[in-house]
Amino acid sequence: MAIAHSPARETDSLATVLVTVGVVLLALLTLYLVGFDQGTLSRGGMFLHELMHDGRHLLGVPCH
């Protein structure tokens, strides 16, 4: 049996759109940090740089 959901109000649809946009933006930021940053945003310390470096190796993205 399938359950169909129809928003009762426009605010439900708006909230869904806002959450979706937020998740997509967070995913794009994460993709940038892991795939392309190369330490540009982590000038204050090496922890973030090394974490993203290991993430590149884990995902198979060439980094050096």
PDB file of N, CA and C in Angstrom:
ATOM      1  N   MET A   1       0.841  -1.168   0.000  1.00  0.00           N
ATOM      2  CA  MET A   1       0.000   0.000   0.000  1.00  0.00           C
ATOM      3  C   MET A   1       0.890   1.236   0.000  1.00  0.00           C
ATOM      4  N   ALA A   2       0.594   2.172  -0.840  1.00  0.00           N
ATOM      5  CA  ALA A   2       1.360   3.405  -0.939  1.00  0.00           C
ATOM      6  C   ALA A   2       0.691   4.508  -0.138  1.00  0.00           C
ATOM      7  N   ILE A   3       1.516   5.319   0.481  1.00  0.00           N
ATOM      8  CA  ILE A   3       1.013   6.458   1.240  1.00  0.00           C
ATOM      9  C   ILE A   3       1.344   7.716   0.459  1.00  0.00           C
ATOM     10  N   ALA A   4       0.327   8.484   0.150  1.00  0.00           N
ATOM     11  CA  ALA A   4       0.518   9.734  -0.587  1.00  0.00           C
ATOM     12  C   ALA A   4       0.450  10.893   0.384  1.00  0.00           C
ATOM     13  N   HIS A   5       1.349  11.843   0.197  1.00  0.00           N
ATOM     14  CA  HIS A   5       1.364  13.030   1.059  1.00  0.00           C
ATOM     15  C   HIS A   5       1.101  14.249   0.195  1.00  0.00           C
ATOM     16  N   SER A   6       0.096  14.990   0.567  1.00  0.00           N
ATOM     17  CA  SER A   6      -0.159  16.261  -0.106  1.00  0.00           C
ATOM     18  C   SER A   6      -0.120  17.345   0.960  1.00  0.00           C
ATOM     19  N   PRO A   7       0.760  18.331   0.782  1.00  0.00           N
ATOM     20  CA  PRO A   7       0.898  19.376   1.796  1.00  0.00           C
ATOM     21  C   PRO A   7      -0.424  20.101   2.041  1.00  0.00           C
ATOM     22  N   ALA A   8      -0.726  20.278   3.296  1.00  0.00           N
ATOM     23  CA  ALA A   8      -1.965  20.952   3.657  1.00  0.00           C
ATOM     24  C   ALA A   8      -1.853  22.466   3.450  1.00  0.00           C
ATOM     25  N   ARG A   9      -0.658  22.968   3.569  1.00  0.00           N
ATOM     26  CA  ARG A   9      -0.459  24.406   3.439  1.00  0.00           C
ATOM     27  C   ARG A   9       0.737  24.681   2.561  1.00  0.00           C
ATOM     28  N   GLU A  10       0.826  25.910   2.098  1.00  0.00           N
ATOM     29  CA  GLU A  10       1.972  26.307   1.278  1.00  0.00           C
ATOM     30  C   GLU A  10       3.252  26.336   2.084  1.00  0.00           C
ATOM     31  N   THR A  11       3.168  26.550   3.382  1.00  0.00           N
ATOM     32  CA  THR A  11       4.373  26.610   4.206  1.00  0.00           C
ATOM     33  C   THR A  11       5.069  25.258   4.258  1.00  0.00           C
ATOM     34  N   ASP A  12       4.314  24.155   4.164  1.00  0.00           N
ATOM     35  CA  ASP A  12       4.934  22.834   4.122  1.00  0.00           C
ATOM     36  C   ASP A  12       5.793  22.696   2.869  1.00  0.00           C
ATOM     37  N   SER A  13       5.280  23.151   1.737  1.00  0.00           N
ATOM     38  CA  SER A  13       6.044  23.090   0.494  1.00  0.00           C
ATOM     39  C   SER A  13       7.261  24.006   0.565  1.00  0.00           C
ATOM     40  N   LEU A  14       7.098  25.188   1.123  1.00  0.00           N
ATOM     41  CA  LEU A  14       8.201  26.131   1.253  1.00  0.00           C
ATOM     42  C   LEU A  14       9.280  25.566   2.165  1.00  0.00           C
ATOM     43  N   ALA A  15       8.878  24.960   3.258  1.00  0.00           N
ATOM     44  CA  ALA A  15       9.849  24.366   4.178  1.00  0.00           C
ATOM     45  C   ALA A  15      10.612  23.234   3.498  1.00  0.00           C
ATOM     46  N   THR A  16       9.939  22.437   2.713  1.00  0.00           N
ATOM     47  CA  THR A  16      10.599  21.359   1.985  1.00  0.00           C
ATOM     48  C   THR A  16      11.610  21.909   0.992  1.00  0.00           C
ATOM     49  N   VAL A  17      11.244  22.953   0.283  1.00  0.00           N
ATOM     50  CA  VAL A  17      12.151  23.568  -0.680  1.00  0.00           C
ATOM     51  C   VAL A  17      13.364  24.158   0.035  1.00  0.00           C
ATOM     52  N   LEU A  18      13.165  24.839   1.142  1.00  0.00           N
ATOM     53  CA  LEU A  18      14.275  25.443   1.878  1.00  0.00           C
ATOM     54  C   LEU A  18      15.229  24.387   2.429  1.00  0.00           C
ATOM     55  N   VAL A  19      14.691  23.314   2.947  1.00  0.00           N
ATOM     56  CA  VAL A  19      15.535  22.232   3.453  1.00  0.00           C
ATOM     57  C   VAL A  19      16.324  21.606   2.309  1.00  0.00           C
ATOM     58  N   THR A  20      15.676  21.390   1.175  1.00  0.00           N
ATOM     59  CA  THR A  20      16.351  20.818   0.017  1.00  0.00           C
ATOM     60  C   THR A  20      17.476  21.718  -0.478  1.00  0.00           C
ATOM     61  N   VAL A  21      17.224  23.018  -0.571  1.00  0.00           N
ATOM     62  CA  VAL A  21      18.253  23.965  -1.002  1.00  0.00           C
ATOM     63  C   VAL A  21      19.409  23.975  -0.005  1.00  0.00           C
ATOM     64  N   GLY A  22      19.114  23.939   1.282  1.00  0.00           N
ATOM     65  CA  GLY A  22      20.160  23.914   2.299  1.00  0.00           C
ATOM     66  C   GLY A  22      21.032  22.669   2.207  1.00  0.00           C
ATOM     67  N   VAL A  23      20.415  21.533   1.984  1.00  0.00           N
ATOM     68  CA  VAL A  23      21.165  20.282   1.860  1.00  0.00           C
ATOM     69  C   VAL A  23      22.049  20.310   0.615  1.00  0.00           C
ATOM     70  N   VAL A  24      21.522  20.810  -0.486  1.00  0.00           N
ATOM     71  CA  VAL A  24      22.309  20.895  -1.722  1.00  0.00           C
ATOM     72  C   VAL A  24      23.498  21.841  -1.542  1.00  0.00           C
ATOM     73  N   LEU A  25      23.284  22.989  -0.911  1.00  0.00           N
ATOM     74  CA  LEU A  25      24.388  23.932  -0.677  1.00  0.00           C
ATOM     75  C   LEU A  25      25.450  23.330   0.240  1.00  0.00           C
ATOM     76  N   LEU A  26      25.030  22.626   1.261  1.00  0.00           N
ATOM     77  CA  LEU A  26      25.983  21.964   2.158  1.00  0.00           C
ATOM     78  C   LEU A  26      26.769  20.889   1.418  1.00  0.00           C
ATOM     79  N   ALA A  27      26.099  20.149   0.547  1.00  0.00           N
ATOM     80  CA  ALA A  27      26.780  19.119  -0.240  1.00  0.00           C
ATOM     81  C   ALA A  27      27.792  19.738  -1.198  1.00  0.00           C
ATOM     82  N   LEU A  28      27.435  20.859  -1.828  1.00  0.00           N
ATOM     83  CA  LEU A  28      28.364  21.531  -2.734  1.00  0.00           C
ATOM     84  C   LEU A  28      29.572  22.095  -1.979  1.00  0.00           C
ATOM     85  N   LEU A  29      29.342  22.644  -0.799  1.00  0.00           N
ATOM     86  CA  LEU A  29      30.447  23.145   0.019  1.00  0.00           C
ATOM     87  C   LEU A  29      31.386  22.005   0.411  1.00  0.00           C
ATOM     88  N   THR A  30      30.826  20.881   0.796  1.00  0.00           N
ATOM     89  CA  THR A  30      31.634  19.723   1.163  1.00  0.00           C
ATOM     90  C   THR A  30      32.426  19.215  -0.036  1.00  0.00           C
ATOM     91  N   LEU A  31      31.785  19.152  -1.196  1.00  0.00           N
ATOM     92  CA  LEU A  31      32.474  18.730  -2.410  1.00  0.00           C
ATOM     93  C   LEU A  31      33.626  19.670  -2.730  1.00  0.00           C
ATOM     94  N   TYR A  32      33.415  20.976  -2.587  1.00  0.00           N
ATOM     95  CA  TYR A  32      34.483  21.942  -2.832  1.00  0.00           C
ATOM     96  C   TYR A  32      35.634  21.736  -1.857  1.00  0.00           C
ATOM     97  N   LEU A  33      35.321  21.618  -0.567  1.00  0.00           N
ATOM     98  CA  LEU A  33      36.365  21.469   0.438  1.00  0.00           C
ATOM     99  C   LEU A  33      37.185  20.212   0.215  1.00  0.00           C
ATOM    100  N   VAL A  34      36.516  19.106  -0.077  1.00  0.00           N
ATOM    101  CA  VAL A  34      37.230  17.844  -0.236  1.00  0.00           C
ATOM    102  C   VAL A  34      37.947  17.783  -1.579  1.00  0.00           C
ATOM    103  N   GLY A  35      37.306  18.242  -2.650  1.00  0.00           N
ATOM    104  CA  GLY A  35      37.864  18.050  -3.970  1.00  0.00           C
ATOM    105  C   GLY A  35      38.778  19.137  -4.483  1.00  0.00           C
ATOM    106  N   PHE A  36      38.553  20.390  -4.087  1.00  0.00           N
ATOM    107  CA  PHE A  36      39.243  21.480  -4.767  1.00  0.00           C
ATOM    108  C   PHE A  36      39.948  22.483  -3.861  1.00  0.00           C
ATOM    109  N   ASP A  37      39.741  22.423  -2.579  1.00  0.00           N
ATOM    110  CA  ASP A  37      40.232  23.469  -1.677  1.00  0.00           C
ATOM    111  C   ASP A  37      41.752  23.567  -1.645  1.00  0.00           C
ATOM    112  N   GLN A  38      42.447  22.462  -1.486  1.00  0.00           N
ATOM    113  CA  GLN A  38      43.913  22.407  -1.414  1.00  0.00           C
ATOM    114  C   GLN A  38      44.485  23.325  -0.338  1.00  0.00           C
ATOM    115  N   GLY A  39      43.747  23.565   0.733  1.00  0.00           N
ATOM    116  CA  GLY A  39      44.264  24.339   1.851  1.00  0.00           C
ATOM    117  C   GLY A  39      43.979  25.825   1.814  1.00  0.00           C
ATOM    118  N   THR A  40      43.217  26.295   0.832  1.00  0.00           N
ATOM    119  CA  THR A  40      42.946  27.727   0.720  1.00  0.00           C
ATOM    120  C   THR A  40      42.167  28.251   1.923  1.00  0.00           C
ATOM    121  N   LEU A  41      41.161  27.513   2.363  1.00  0.00           N
ATOM    122  CA  LEU A  41      40.334  27.975   3.480  1.00  0.00           C
ATOM    123  C   LEU A  41      40.896  27.589   4.841  1.00  0.00           C
ATOM    124  N   SER A  42      41.904  26.749   4.884  1.00  0.00           N
ATOM    125  CA  SER A  42      42.407  26.260   6.171  1.00  0.00           C
ATOM    126  C   SER A  42      43.756  26.872   6.517  1.00  0.00           C
ATOM    127  N   ARG A  43      43.886  28.168   6.353  1.00  0.00           N
ATOM    128  CA  ARG A  43      45.151  28.837   6.643  1.00  0.00           C
ATOM    129  C   ARG A  43      45.455  28.911   8.133  1.00  0.00           C
ATOM    130  N   GLY A  44      44.434  28.813   8.980  1.00  0.00           N
ATOM    131  CA  GLY A  44      44.651  28.931  10.417  1.00  0.00           C
ATOM    132  C   GLY A  44      45.328  27.727  11.035  1.00  0.00           C
ATOM    133  N   GLY A  45      45.271  26.597  10.405  1.00  0.00           N
ATOM    134  CA  GLY A  45      45.885  25.385  10.943  1.00  0.00           C
ATOM    135  C   GLY A  45      45.884  24.298   9.896  1.00  0.00           C
ATOM    136  N   MET A  46      46.617  23.258  10.178  1.00  0.00           N
ATOM    137  CA  MET A  46      46.742  22.187   9.201  1.00  0.00           C
ATOM    138  C   MET A  46      45.712  21.076   9.414  1.00  0.00           C
ATOM    139  N   PHE A  47      44.934  21.132  10.493  1.00  0.00           N
ATOM    140  CA  PHE A  47      43.986  20.051  10.771  1.00  0.00           C
ATOM    141  C   PHE A  47      42.965  19.898   9.648  1.00  0.00           C
ATOM    142  N   LEU A  48      42.329  20.996   9.233  1.00  0.00           N
ATOM    143  CA  LEU A  48      41.312  20.924   8.176  1.00  0.00           C
ATOM    144  C   LEU A  48      41.949  20.499   6.858  1.00  0.00           C
ATOM    145  N   HIS A  49      43.139  21.004   6.565  1.00  0.00           N
ATOM    146  CA  HIS A  49      43.824  20.636   5.331  1.00  0.00           C
ATOM    147  C   HIS A  49      44.119  19.135   5.295  1.00  0.00           C
ATOM    148  N   GLU A  50      44.637  18.612   6.386  1.00  0.00           N
ATOM    149  CA  GLU A  50      44.965  17.183   6.433  1.00  0.00           C
ATOM    150  C   GLU A  50      43.714  16.316   6.392  1.00  0.00           C
ATOM    151  N   LEU A  51      42.652  16.774   7.032  1.00  0.00           N
ATOM    152  CA  LEU A  51      41.387  16.030   6.998  1.00  0.00           C
ATOM    153  C   LEU A  51      40.850  15.948   5.582  1.00  0.00           C
ATOM    154  N   MET A  52      40.879  17.064   4.861  1.00  0.00           N
ATOM    155  CA  MET A  52      40.394  17.062   3.482  1.00  0.00           C
ATOM    156  C   MET A  52      41.339  16.292   2.561  1.00  0.00           C
ATOM    157  N   HIS A  53      42.622  16.333   2.851  1.00  0.00           N
ATOM    158  CA  HIS A  53      43.597  15.568   2.070  1.00  0.00           C
ATOM    159  C   HIS A  53      43.299  14.078   2.180  1.00  0.00           C
ATOM    160  N   ASP A  54      43.032  13.618   3.391  1.00  0.00           N
ATOM    161  CA  ASP A  54      42.684  12.216   3.585  1.00  0.00           C
ATOM    162  C   ASP A  54      41.357  11.881   2.913  1.00  0.00           C
ATOM    163  N   GLY A  55      40.430  12.831   2.905  1.00  0.00           N
ATOM    164  CA  GLY A  55      39.157  12.621   2.222  1.00  0.00           C
ATOM    165  C   GLY A  55      39.338  12.470   0.723  1.00  0.00           C
ATOM    166  N   ARG A  56      40.272  13.232   0.155  1.00  0.00           N
ATOM    167  CA  ARG A  56      40.556  13.094  -1.280  1.00  0.00           C
ATOM    168  C   ARG A  56      41.109  11.711  -1.581  1.00  0.00           C
ATOM    169  N   HIS A  57      42.015  11.231  -0.747  1.00  0.00           N
ATOM    170  CA  HIS A  57      42.551   9.881  -0.942  1.00  0.00           C
ATOM    171  C   HIS A  57      41.452   8.830  -0.806  1.00  0.00           C
ATOM    172  N   LEU A  58      40.585   9.010   0.162  1.00  0.00           N
ATOM    173  CA  LEU A  58      39.495   8.056   0.381  1.00  0.00           C
ATOM    174  C   LEU A  58      38.566   7.992  -0.813  1.00  0.00           C
ATOM    175  N   LEU A  59      38.270   9.146  -1.442  1.00  0.00           N
ATOM    176  CA  LEU A  59      37.356   9.188  -2.579  1.00  0.00           C
ATOM    177  C   LEU A  59      38.042   8.927  -3.909  1.00  0.00           C
ATOM    178  N   GLY A  60      39.355   8.819  -3.913  1.00  0.00           N
ATOM    179  CA  GLY A  60      40.073   8.550  -5.158  1.00  0.00           C
ATOM    180  C   GLY A  60      40.285   9.775  -6.018  1.00  0.00           C
ATOM    181  N   VAL A  61      40.144  10.975  -5.438  1.00  0.00           N
ATOM    182  CA  VAL A  61      40.361  12.215  -6.180  1.00  0.00           C
ATOM    183  C   VAL A  61      41.869  12.477  -6.197  1.00  0.00           C
ATOM    184  N   PRO A  62      42.458  12.693  -7.379  1.00  0.00           N
ATOM    185  CA  PRO A  62      43.902  12.962  -7.414  1.00  0.00           C
ATOM    186  C   PRO A  62      44.220  14.294  -6.728  1.00  0.00           C
ATOM    187  N   CYS A  63      45.227  14.286  -5.877  1.00  0.00           N
ATOM    188  CA  CYS A  63      45.559  15.510  -5.163  1.00  0.00           C
ATOM    189  C   CYS A  63      47.038  15.857  -5.232  1.00  0.00           C
ATOM    190  N   HIS A  64      47.875  14.942  -5.670  1.00  0.00           N
ATOM    191  CA  HIS A  64      49.295  15.260  -5.862  1.00  0.00           C
ATOM    192  C   HIS A  64      49.925  14.258  -6.764  1.00  0.00           C
TER     193      HIS A  64
END
